[in-house]
Each structure stands twice: as C-alpha cells, then as structure tokens.
PDB file of N, CA and C in Angstrom:
ATOM      1  N   UNK A   1       0.819  -1.194   0.000  1.00  0.00           N
ATOM      2  CA  UNK A   1       0.000   0.000   0.000  1.00  0.00           C
ATOM      3  C   UNK A   1       0.869   1.266   0.000  1.00  0.00           C
ATOM      4  N   UNK A   2       1.968   1.221   0.779  1.00  0.00           N
ATOM      5  CA  UNK A   2       2.868   2.361   0.854  1.00  0.00           C
ATOM      6  C   UNK A   2       3.482   2.670  -0.513  1.00  0.00           C
ATOM      7  N   UNK A   3       3.897   1.629  -1.224  1.00  0.00           N
ATOM      8  CA  UNK A   3       4.482   1.825  -2.554  1.00  0.00           C
ATOM      9  C   UNK A   3       3.462   2.393  -3.532  1.00  0.00           C
ATOM     10  N   UNK A   4       2.212   1.995  -3.409  1.00  0.00           N
ATOM     11  CA  UNK A   4       1.162   2.534  -4.282  1.00  0.00           C
ATOM     12  C   UNK A   4       1.020   4.040  -4.059  1.00  0.00           C
ATOM     13  N   UNK A   5       1.130   4.470  -2.819  1.00  0.00           N
ATOM     14  CA  UNK A   5       1.085   5.903  -2.518  1.00  0.00           C
ATOM     15  C   UNK A   5       2.271   6.642  -3.123  1.00  0.00           C
ATOM     16  N   UNK A   6       3.445   5.998  -3.065  1.00  0.00           N
ATOM     17  CA  UNK A   6       4.642   6.592  -3.676  1.00  0.00           C
ATOM     18  C   UNK A   6       4.465   6.764  -5.178  1.00  0.00           C
ATOM     19  N   UNK A   7       3.931   5.734  -5.808  1.00  0.00           N
ATOM     20  CA  UNK A   7       3.687   5.803  -7.247  1.00  0.00           C
ATOM     21  C   UNK A   7       2.641   6.867  -7.552  1.00  0.00           C
ATOM     22  N   UNK A   8       1.594   6.925  -6.748  1.00  0.00           N
ATOM     23  CA  UNK A   8       0.528   7.905  -6.979  1.00  0.00           C
ATOM     24  C   UNK A   8       1.042   9.335  -6.882  1.00  0.00           C
ATOM     25  N   UNK A   9       1.856   9.636  -5.868  1.00  0.00           N
ATOM     26  CA  UNK A   9       2.364  11.001  -5.733  1.00  0.00           C
ATOM     27  C   UNK A   9       3.334  11.328  -6.868  1.00  0.00           C
ATOM     28  N   UNK A  10       4.064  10.338  -7.340  1.00  0.00           N
ATOM     29  CA  UNK A  10       4.978  10.567  -8.458  1.00  0.00           C
ATOM     30  C   UNK A  10       4.203  10.837  -9.745  1.00  0.00           C
ATOM     31  N   UNK A  11       3.176  10.046  -9.990  1.00  0.00           N
ATOM     32  CA  UNK A  11       2.339  10.265 -11.176  1.00  0.00           C
ATOM     33  C   UNK A  11       1.653  11.629 -11.083  1.00  0.00           C
ATOM     34  N   UNK A  12       1.162  11.964  -9.895  1.00  0.00           N
ATOM     35  CA  UNK A  12       0.542  13.283  -9.698  1.00  0.00           C
ATOM     36  C   UNK A  12       1.525  14.406 -10.005  1.00  0.00           C
ATOM     37  N   UNK A  13       2.757  14.279  -9.532  1.00  0.00           N
ATOM     38  CA  UNK A  13       3.774  15.304  -9.791  1.00  0.00           C
ATOM     39  C   UNK A  13       4.053  15.432 -11.288  1.00  0.00           C
ATOM     40  N   UNK A  14       4.156  14.309 -11.977  1.00  0.00           N
ATOM     41  CA  UNK A  14       4.417  14.339 -13.417  1.00  0.00           C
ATOM     42  C   UNK A  14       3.246  14.939 -14.200  1.00  0.00           C
ATOM     43  N   UNK A  15       2.024  14.573 -13.820  1.00  0.00           N
ATOM     44  CA  UNK A  15       0.849  15.132 -14.496  1.00  0.00           C
ATOM     45  C   UNK A  15       0.738  16.627 -14.220  1.00  0.00           C
ATOM     46  N   UNK A  16       0.960  17.022 -12.979  1.00  0.00           N
ATOM     47  CA  UNK A  16       0.899  18.448 -12.645  1.00  0.00           C
ATOM     48  C   UNK A  16       1.966  19.230 -13.407  1.00  0.00           C
ATOM     49  N   UNK A  17       3.166  18.679 -13.479  1.00  0.00           N
ATOM     50  CA  UNK A  17       4.247  19.341 -14.214  1.00  0.00           C
ATOM     51  C   UNK A  17       3.916  19.438 -15.701  1.00  0.00           C
ATOM     52  N   UNK A  18       3.409  18.342 -16.273  1.00  0.00           N
ATOM     53  CA  UNK A  18       3.030  18.367 -17.688  1.00  0.00           C
ATOM     54  C   UNK A  18       1.934  19.374 -17.966  1.00  0.00           C
ATOM     55  N   UNK A  19       0.917  19.409 -17.109  1.00  0.00           N
ATOM     56  CA  UNK A  19      -0.180  20.361 -17.277  1.00  0.00           C
ATOM     57  C   UNK A  19       0.333  21.789 -17.161  1.00  0.00           C
ATOM     58  N   UNK A  20       1.185  22.047 -16.174  1.00  0.00           N
ATOM     59  CA  UNK A  20       1.716  23.402 -15.989  1.00  0.00           C
ATOM     60  C   UNK A  20       2.549  23.838 -17.194  1.00  0.00           C
ATOM     61  N   UNK A  21       3.381  22.945 -17.713  1.00  0.00           N
ATOM     62  CA  UNK A  21       4.191  23.288 -18.886  1.00  0.00           C
ATOM     63  C   UNK A  21       3.316  23.520 -20.115  1.00  0.00           C
ATOM     64  N   UNK A  22       2.323  22.662 -20.311  1.00  0.00           N
ATOM     65  CA  UNK A  22       1.403  22.824 -21.432  1.00  0.00           C
ATOM     66  C   UNK A  22       0.638  24.143 -21.322  1.00  0.00           C
ATOM     67  N   UNK A  23       0.160  24.444 -20.138  1.00  0.00           N
ATOM     68  CA  UNK A  23      -0.581  25.686 -19.902  1.00  0.00           C
ATOM     69  C   UNK A  23       0.331  26.901 -20.100  1.00  0.00           C
ATOM     70  N   UNK A  24       1.557  26.807 -19.587  1.00  0.00           N
ATOM     71  CA  UNK A  24       2.494  27.926 -19.695  1.00  0.00           C
ATOM     72  C   UNK A  24       2.869  28.225 -21.141  1.00  0.00           C
ATOM     73  N   UNK A  25       3.006  27.177 -21.945  1.00  0.00           N
ATOM     74  CA  UNK A  25       3.428  27.372 -23.332  1.00  0.00           C
ATOM     75  C   UNK A  25       2.265  27.533 -24.304  1.00  0.00           C
ATOM     76  N   UNK A  26       1.081  27.061 -23.924  1.00  0.00           N
ATOM     77  CA  UNK A  26      -0.025  27.048 -24.867  1.00  0.00           C
ATOM     78  C   UNK A  26      -1.088  28.101 -24.646  1.00  0.00           C
ATOM     79  N   UNK A  27      -1.015  28.803 -23.532  1.00  0.00           N
ATOM     80  CA  UNK A  27      -2.045  29.786 -23.193  1.00  0.00           C
ATOM     81  C   UNK A  27      -1.362  31.106 -22.847  1.00  0.00           C
ATOM     82  N   UNK A  28      -1.961  32.194 -23.245  1.00  0.00           N
ATOM     83  CA  UNK A  28      -1.420  33.512 -22.868  1.00  0.00           C
ATOM     84  C   UNK A  28      -1.937  33.863 -21.466  1.00  0.00           C
ATOM     85  N   UNK A  29      -1.479  33.107 -20.476  1.00  0.00           N
ATOM     86  CA  UNK A  29      -1.984  33.199 -19.114  1.00  0.00           C
ATOM     87  C   UNK A  29      -1.642  34.527 -18.447  1.00  0.00           C
ATOM     88  N   UNK A  30      -0.597  35.181 -18.872  1.00  0.00           N
ATOM     89  CA  UNK A  30      -0.153  36.424 -18.248  1.00  0.00           C
ATOM     90  C   UNK A  30      -1.007  37.623 -18.655  1.00  0.00           C
ATOM     91  N   UNK A  31      -1.896  37.453 -19.629  1.00  0.00           N
ATOM     92  CA  UNK A  31      -2.662  38.588 -20.146  1.00  0.00           C
ATOM     93  C   UNK A  31      -3.947  38.868 -19.373  1.00  0.00           C
ATOM     94  N   UNK A  32      -4.347  37.961 -18.490  1.00  0.00           N
ATOM     95  CA  UNK A  32      -5.568  38.223 -17.728  1.00  0.00           C
ATOM     96  C   UNK A  32      -5.425  37.665 -16.318  1.00  0.00           C
ATOM     97  N   UNK A  33      -6.175  38.237 -15.388  1.00  0.00           N
ATOM     98  CA  UNK A  33      -6.038  37.815 -13.984  1.00  0.00           C
ATOM     99  C   UNK A  33      -6.386  36.345 -13.759  1.00  0.00           C
ATOM    100  N   UNK A  34      -7.396  35.828 -14.434  1.00  0.00           N
ATOM    101  CA  UNK A  34      -7.762  34.428 -14.264  1.00  0.00           C
ATOM    102  C   UNK A  34      -6.635  33.498 -14.659  1.00  0.00           C
ATOM    103  N   UNK A  35      -5.971  33.810 -15.752  1.00  0.00           N
ATOM    104  CA  UNK A  35      -4.840  33.004 -16.205  1.00  0.00           C
ATOM    105  C   UNK A  35      -3.685  33.040 -15.219  1.00  0.00           C
ATOM    106  N   UNK A  36      -3.446  34.208 -14.633  1.00  0.00           N
ATOM    107  CA  UNK A  36      -2.371  34.323 -13.640  1.00  0.00           C
ATOM    108  C   UNK A  36      -2.699  33.511 -12.390  1.00  0.00           C
ATOM    109  N   UNK A  37      -3.963  33.499 -11.995  1.00  0.00           N
ATOM    110  CA  UNK A  37      -4.370  32.708 -10.829  1.00  0.00           C
ATOM    111  C   UNK A  37      -4.164  31.224 -11.108  1.00  0.00           C
ATOM    112  N   UNK A  38      -4.592  30.771 -12.278  1.00  0.00           N
ATOM    113  CA  UNK A  38      -4.431  29.356 -12.631  1.00  0.00           C
ATOM    114  C   UNK A  38      -2.946  28.991 -12.663  1.00  0.00           C
ATOM    115  N   UNK A  39      -2.128  29.820 -13.265  1.00  0.00           N
ATOM    116  CA  UNK A  39      -0.705  29.504 -13.391  1.00  0.00           C
ATOM    117  C   UNK A  39      -0.013  29.473 -12.041  1.00  0.00           C
ATOM    118  N   UNK A  40      -0.307  30.414 -11.164  1.00  0.00           N
ATOM    119  CA  UNK A  40       0.340  30.403  -9.853  1.00  0.00           C
ATOM    120  C   UNK A  40      -0.113  29.198  -9.028  1.00  0.00           C
ATOM    121  N   UNK A  41      -1.382  28.820  -9.160  1.00  0.00           N
ATOM    122  CA  UNK A  41      -1.877  27.648  -8.450  1.00  0.00           C
ATOM    123  C   UNK A  41      -1.205  26.381  -8.977  1.00  0.00           C
ATOM    124  N   UNK A  42      -1.107  26.274 -10.291  1.00  0.00           N
ATOM    125  CA  UNK A  42      -0.416  25.118 -10.879  1.00  0.00           C
ATOM    126  C   UNK A  42       1.040  25.062 -10.431  1.00  0.00           C
ATOM    127  N   UNK A  43       1.707  26.196 -10.427  1.00  0.00           N
ATOM    128  CA  UNK A  43       3.112  26.224 -10.009  1.00  0.00           C
ATOM    129  C   UNK A  43       3.258  25.777  -8.561  1.00  0.00           C
ATOM    130  N   UNK A  44       2.354  26.200  -7.703  1.00  0.00           N
ATOM    131  CA  UNK A  44       2.406  25.799  -6.297  1.00  0.00           C
ATOM    132  C   UNK A  44       2.198  24.291  -6.164  1.00  0.00           C
ATOM    133  N   UNK A  45       1.218  23.759  -6.894  1.00  0.00           N
ATOM    134  CA  UNK A  45       0.958  22.318  -6.850  1.00  0.00           C
ATOM    135  C   UNK A  45       2.168  21.541  -7.359  1.00  0.00           C
ATOM    136  N   UNK A  46       2.767  22.006  -8.441  1.00  0.00           N
ATOM    137  CA  UNK A  46       3.947  21.335  -9.001  1.00  0.00           C
ATOM    138  C   UNK A  46       5.095  21.344  -7.998  1.00  0.00           C
ATOM    139  N   UNK A  47       5.373  22.493  -7.407  1.00  0.00           N
ATOM    140  CA  UNK A  47       6.472  22.572  -6.443  1.00  0.00           C
ATOM    141  C   UNK A  47       6.284  21.581  -5.294  1.00  0.00           C
ATOM    142  N   UNK A  48       5.087  21.561  -4.739  1.00  0.00           N
ATOM    143  CA  UNK A  48       4.834  20.694  -3.589  1.00  0.00           C
ATOM    144  C   UNK A  48       4.892  19.220  -3.975  1.00  0.00           C
ATOM    145  N   UNK A  49       4.228  18.851  -5.065  1.00  0.00           N
ATOM    146  CA  UNK A  49       4.195  17.429  -5.426  1.00  0.00           C
ATOM    147  C   UNK A  49       5.569  16.914  -5.861  1.00  0.00           C
ATOM    148  N   UNK A  50       6.331  17.729  -6.564  1.00  0.00           N
ATOM    149  CA  UNK A  50       7.683  17.302  -6.959  1.00  0.00           C
ATOM    150  C   UNK A  50       8.566  17.130  -5.724  1.00  0.00           C
ATOM    151  N   UNK A  51       8.460  18.054  -4.776  1.00  0.00           N
ATOM    152  CA  UNK A  51       9.238  17.928  -3.543  1.00  0.00           C
ATOM    153  C   UNK A  51       8.879  16.642  -2.808  1.00  0.00           C
ATOM    154  N   UNK A  52       7.595  16.355  -2.690  1.00  0.00           N
ATOM    155  CA  UNK A  52       7.153  15.137  -2.000  1.00  0.00           C
ATOM    156  C   UNK A  52       7.639  13.897  -2.755  1.00  0.00           C
ATOM    157  N   UNK A  53       7.508  13.892  -4.075  1.00  0.00           N
ATOM    158  CA  UNK A  53       7.937  12.732  -4.861  1.00  0.00           C
ATOM    159  C   UNK A  53       9.443  12.507  -4.736  1.00  0.00           C
ATOM    160  N   UNK A  54      10.225  13.560  -4.785  1.00  0.00           N
ATOM    161  CA  UNK A  54      11.680  13.419  -4.659  1.00  0.00           C
ATOM    162  C   UNK A  54      12.031  12.860  -3.282  1.00  0.00           C
ATOM    163  N   UNK A  55      11.379  13.361  -2.264  1.00  0.00           N
ATOM    164  CA  UNK A  55      11.681  12.875  -0.910  1.00  0.00           C
ATOM    165  C   UNK A  55      11.239  11.430  -0.723  1.00  0.00           C
ATOM    166  N   UNK A  56      10.109  11.062  -1.319  1.00  0.00           N
ATOM    167  CA  UNK A  56       9.620   9.686  -1.204  1.00  0.00           C
ATOM    168  C   UNK A  56      10.619   8.704  -1.798  1.00  0.00           C
ATOM    169  N   UNK A  57      11.159   9.033  -2.956  1.00  0.00           N
ATOM    170  CA  UNK A  57      12.039   8.082  -3.648  1.00  0.00           C
ATOM    171  C   UNK A  57      13.498   8.160  -3.205  1.00  0.00           C
ATOM    172  N   UNK A  58      13.943   9.341  -2.776  1.00  0.00           N
ATOM    173  CA  UNK A  58      15.362   9.505  -2.460  1.00  0.00           C
ATOM    174  C   UNK A  58      15.635   9.822  -0.997  1.00  0.00           C
ATOM    175  N   UNK A  59      14.577  10.012  -0.203  1.00  0.00           N
ATOM    176  CA  UNK A  59      14.766  10.333   1.207  1.00  0.00           C
ATOM    177  C   UNK A  59      15.231  11.767   1.394  1.00  0.00           C
ATOM    178  N   UNK A  60      15.657  12.055   2.598  1.00  0.00           N
ATOM    179  CA  UNK A  60      16.167  13.403   2.865  1.00  0.00           C
ATOM    180  C   UNK A  60      17.436  13.627   2.051  1.00  0.00           C
ATOM    181  N   UNK A  61      17.617  14.822   1.594  1.00  0.00           N
ATOM    182  CA  UNK A  61      18.789  15.152   0.805  1.00  0.00           C
ATOM    183  C   UNK A  61      19.430  16.405   1.367  1.00  0.00           C
ATOM    184  N   UNK A  62      20.592  16.719   0.864  1.00  0.00           N
ATOM    185  CA  UNK A  62      21.340  17.870   1.345  1.00  0.00           C
ATOM    186  C   UNK A  62      20.484  19.133   1.223  1.00  0.00           C
ATOM    187  N   UNK A  63      20.387  19.878   2.278  1.00  0.00           N
ATOM    188  CA  UNK A  63      19.604  21.110   2.375  1.00  0.00           C
ATOM    189  C   UNK A  63      18.102  20.885   2.186  1.00  0.00           C
ATOM    190  N   UNK A  64      17.633  19.671   2.477  1.00  0.00           N
ATOM    191  CA  UNK A  64      16.209  19.355   2.308  1.00  0.00           C
ATOM    192  C   UNK A  64      15.310  20.316   3.089  1.00  0.00           C
ATOM    193  N   UNK A  65      15.680  20.587   4.333  1.00  0.00           N
ATOM    194  CA  UNK A  65      14.828  21.453   5.154  1.00  0.00           C
ATOM    195  C   UNK A  65      14.747  22.861   4.581  1.00  0.00           C
ATOM    196  N   UNK A  66      15.847  23.369   4.054  1.00  0.00           N
ATOM    197  CA  UNK A  66      15.834  24.699   3.434  1.00  0.00           C
ATOM    198  C   UNK A  66      14.991  24.687   2.161  1.00  0.00           C
ATOM    199  N   UNK A  67      15.164  23.674   1.320  1.00  0.00           N
ATOM    200  CA  UNK A  67      14.371  23.556   0.094  1.00  0.00           C
ATOM    201  C   UNK A  67      12.891  23.453   0.433  1.00  0.00           C
ATOM    202  N   UNK A  68      12.578  22.646   1.443  1.00  0.00           N
ATOM    203  CA  UNK A  68      11.185  22.480   1.881  1.00  0.00           C
ATOM    204  C   UNK A  68      10.604  23.813   2.323  1.00  0.00           C
ATOM    205  N   UNK A  69      11.355  24.571   3.119  1.00  0.00           N
ATOM    206  CA  UNK A  69      10.892  25.882   3.576  1.00  0.00           C
ATOM    207  C   UNK A  69      10.642  26.816   2.396  1.00  0.00           C
ATOM    208  N   UNK A  70      11.563  26.860   1.456  1.00  0.00           N
ATOM    209  CA  UNK A  70      11.423  27.725   0.285  1.00  0.00           C
ATOM    210  C   UNK A  70      10.209  27.313  -0.550  1.00  0.00           C
ATOM    211  N   UNK A  71      10.043  26.009  -0.772  1.00  0.00           N
ATOM    212  CA  UNK A  71       8.909  25.518  -1.571  1.00  0.00           C
ATOM    213  C   UNK A  71       7.587  25.891  -0.913  1.00  0.00           C
ATOM    214  N   UNK A  72       7.459  25.630   0.379  1.00  0.00           N
ATOM    215  CA  UNK A  72       6.194  25.908   1.042  1.00  0.00           C
ATOM    216  C   UNK A  72       5.928  27.403   1.183  1.00  0.00           C
ATOM    217  N   UNK A  73       6.945  28.208   1.407  1.00  0.00           N
ATOM    218  CA  UNK A  73       6.738  29.660   1.450  1.00  0.00           C
ATOM    219  C   UNK A  73       6.351  30.202   0.075  1.00  0.00           C
ATOM    220  N   UNK A  74       6.995  29.686  -0.966  1.00  0.00           N
ATOM    221  CA  UNK A  74       6.655  30.106  -2.325  1.00  0.00           C
ATOM    222  C   UNK A  74       5.215  29.731  -2.653  1.00  0.00           C
ATOM    223  N   UNK A  75       4.823  28.509  -2.308  1.00  0.00           N
ATOM    224  CA  UNK A  75       3.447  28.073  -2.547  1.00  0.00           C
ATOM    225  C   UNK A  75       2.466  28.912  -1.731  1.00  0.00           C
ATOM    226  N   UNK A  76       2.812  29.190  -0.501  1.00  0.00           N
ATOM    227  CA  UNK A  76       1.956  30.010   0.345  1.00  0.00           C
ATOM    228  C   UNK A  76       1.720  31.385  -0.279  1.00  0.00           C
ATOM    229  N   UNK A  77       2.794  32.050  -0.685  1.00  0.00           N
ATOM    230  CA  UNK A  77       2.650  33.385  -1.273  1.00  0.00           C
ATOM    231  C   UNK A  77       1.955  33.339  -2.629  1.00  0.00           C
ATOM    232  N   UNK A  78       2.202  32.293  -3.402  1.00  0.00           N
ATOM    233  CA  UNK A  78       1.531  32.162  -4.700  1.00  0.00           C
ATOM    234  C   UNK A  78       0.029  32.001  -4.523  1.00  0.00           C
ATOM    235  N   UNK A  79      -0.375  31.105  -3.632  1.00  0.00           N
ATOM    236  CA  UNK A  79      -1.806  30.882  -3.427  1.00  0.00           C
ATOM    237  C   UNK A  79      -2.473  32.059  -2.730  1.00  0.00           C
ATOM    238  N   UNK A  80      -1.807  32.643  -1.750  1.00  0.00           N
ATOM    239  CA  UNK A  80      -2.380  33.817  -1.074  1.00  0.00           C
ATOM    240  C   UNK A  80      -2.513  34.978  -2.054  1.00  0.00           C
ATOM    241  N   UNK A  81      -1.501  35.173  -2.887  1.00  0.00           N
ATOM    242  CA  UNK A  81      -1.571  36.238  -3.892  1.00  0.00           C
ATOM    243  C   UNK A  81      -2.674  35.994  -4.906  1.00  0.00           C
ATOM    244  N   UNK A  82      -2.840  34.744  -5.308  1.00  0.00           N
ATOM    245  CA  UNK A  82      -3.931  34.408  -6.220  1.00  0.00           C
ATOM    246  C   UNK A  82      -5.288  34.653  -5.600  1.00  0.00           C
ATOM    247  N   UNK A  83      -5.411  34.343  -4.330  1.00  0.00           N
ATOM    248  CA  UNK A  83      -6.679  34.570  -3.632  1.00  0.00           C
ATOM    249  C   UNK A  83      -6.971  36.058  -3.516  1.00  0.00           C
ATOM    250  N   UNK A  84      -5.962  36.845  -3.183  1.00  0.00           N
ATOM    251  CA  UNK A  84      -6.137  38.303  -3.107  1.00  0.00           C
ATOM    252  C   UNK A  84      -6.537  38.864  -4.467  1.00  0.00           C
ATOM    253  N   UNK A  85      -5.882  38.404  -5.519  1.00  0.00           N
ATOM    254  CA  UNK A  85      -6.223  38.851  -6.868  1.00  0.00           C
ATOM    255  C   UNK A  85      -7.656  38.461  -7.220  1.00  0.00           C
ATOM    256  N   UNK A  86      -8.034  37.243  -6.899  1.00  0.00           N
ATOM    257  CA  UNK A  86      -9.398  36.776  -7.151  1.00  0.00           C
ATOM    258  C   UNK A  86     -10.417  37.644  -6.414  1.00  0.00           C
ATOM    259  N   UNK A  87     -10.150  37.936  -5.155  1.00  0.00           N
ATOM    260  CA  UNK A  87     -11.081  38.763  -4.374  1.00  0.00           C
ATOM    261  C   UNK A  87     -11.159  40.177  -4.954  1.00  0.00           C
ATOM    262  N   UNK A  88     -10.044  40.721  -5.389  1.00  0.00           N
ATOM    263  CA  UNK A  88     -10.044  42.067  -5.973  1.00  0.00           C
ATOM    264  C   UNK A  88     -10.852  42.098  -7.263  1.00  0.00           C
ATOM    265  N   UNK A  89     -10.726  41.068  -8.071  1.00  0.00           N
ATOM    266  CA  UNK A  89     -11.492  40.994  -9.325  1.00  0.00           C
ATOM    267  C   UNK A  89     -12.974  40.897  -9.015  1.00  0.00           C
ATOM    268  N   UNK A  90     -13.325  40.036  -8.094  1.00  0.00           N
ATOM    269  CA  UNK A  90     -14.744  39.872  -7.745  1.00  0.00           C
ATOM    270  C   UNK A  90     -15.315  41.146  -7.146  1.00  0.00           C
ATOM    271  N   UNK A  91     -14.554  41.819  -6.306  1.00  0.00           N
ATOM    272  CA  UNK A  91     -15.017  43.063  -5.692  1.00  0.00           C
ATOM    273  C   UNK A  91     -15.263  44.109  -6.771  1.00  0.00           C
ATOM    274  N   UNK A  92     -14.361  44.184  -7.748  1.00  0.00           N
ATOM    275  CA  UNK A  92     -14.525  45.145  -8.841  1.00  0.00           C
ATOM    276  C   UNK A  92     -15.757  44.850  -9.671  1.00  0.00           C
ATOM    277  N   UNK A  93     -16.006  43.599  -9.966  1.00  0.00           N
ATOM    278  CA  UNK A  93     -17.187  43.230 -10.753  1.00  0.00           C
ATOM    279  C   UNK A  93     -18.463  43.463  -9.967  1.00  0.00           C
ATOM    280  N   UNK A  94     -18.415  43.193  -8.660  1.00  0.00           N
ATOM    281  CA  UNK A  94     -19.593  43.403  -7.823  1.00  0.00           C
ATOM    282  C   UNK A  94     -19.951  44.888  -7.793  1.00  0.00           C
ATOM    283  N   UNK A  95     -18.961  45.742  -7.705  1.00  0.00           N
ATOM    284  CA  UNK A  95     -19.206  47.191  -7.677  1.00  0.00           C
ATOM    285  C   UNK A  95     -19.744  47.685  -9.008  1.00  0.00           C
ATOM    286  N   UNK A  96     -19.294  47.085 -10.107  1.00  0.00           N
ATOM    287  CA  UNK A  96     -19.791  47.504 -11.422  1.00  0.00           C
ATOM    288  C   UNK A  96     -21.262  47.182 -11.584  1.00  0.00           C
ATOM    289  N   UNK A  97     -21.725  46.082 -11.011  1.00  0.00           N
ATOM    290  CA  UNK A  97     -23.108  45.648 -11.155  1.00  0.00           C
ATOM    291  C   UNK A  97     -24.048  46.293 -10.148  1.00  0.00           C
ATOM    292  N   UNK A  98     -23.521  46.865  -9.105  1.00  0.00           N
ATOM    293  CA  UNK A  98     -24.361  47.410  -8.036  1.00  0.00           C
ATOM    294  C   UNK A  98     -25.187  48.591  -8.559  1.00  0.00           C
ATOM    295  N   UNK A  99     -26.485  48.612  -8.223  1.00  0.00           N
ATOM    296  CA  UNK A  99     -27.333  49.745  -8.636  1.00  0.00           C
ATOM    297  C   UNK A  99     -26.934  50.996  -7.883  1.00  0.00           C
ATOM    298  N   UNK A 100     -27.094  52.114  -8.528  1.00  0.00           N
ATOM    299  CA  UNK A 100     -26.718  53.390  -7.892  1.00  0.00           C
ATOM    300  C   UNK A 100     -27.925  54.176  -7.510  1.00  0.00           C
TER     301      UNK A 100
END
C-alpha cells in the first residue's frame, strides 16, 4: 500500500508538471487575472508534489529542510496572492453591477 502511494504522488507530480508546462506554453496566461491565478496555483501544486515525490524516492537530501521551507513559502505566497487577486477581481465586478 505504501508503494502505491509513492507511485501515486509521483504520477501526480508528473501530471501536474506536464499540465503546468502545457498551460504555460499554450495559453497567454499572463494577459488576464484568471490566467495568472491558474498559473500560480499550478506552479504551487507542481512545487509541492515534486518535492514530495523526490523525498519519497530519495529520502532526505542535502539542504532538504531549506528547500522544503522555500517551496512551502513560495506556494503560500503564490496561493495567497492568487486569492487576493481573485477577491479584488470579484469586488470590482460586484461594484460595477451594483445599482446606484
């Protein structure tokens, strides 16, 4: 069962990486806020899943704790920034629709 989990996280990391690369190269994600939110979320998922997959197969490695801290802080700021951007977009649209 443990090995199945290792394989699953590795496959997840590869699929997430493939999707992120395809999205990054195939979509003009930087031109609109929704695309930027999707890309930052994908990048955060890729960072976390790749880190987990590498640790599962190779164990702790040199500077693992520092890499882990950087990955999780980067993911935290990416997702928090995406959420703030999403809320700002929604707030702007809500104000545009509000009756005066």
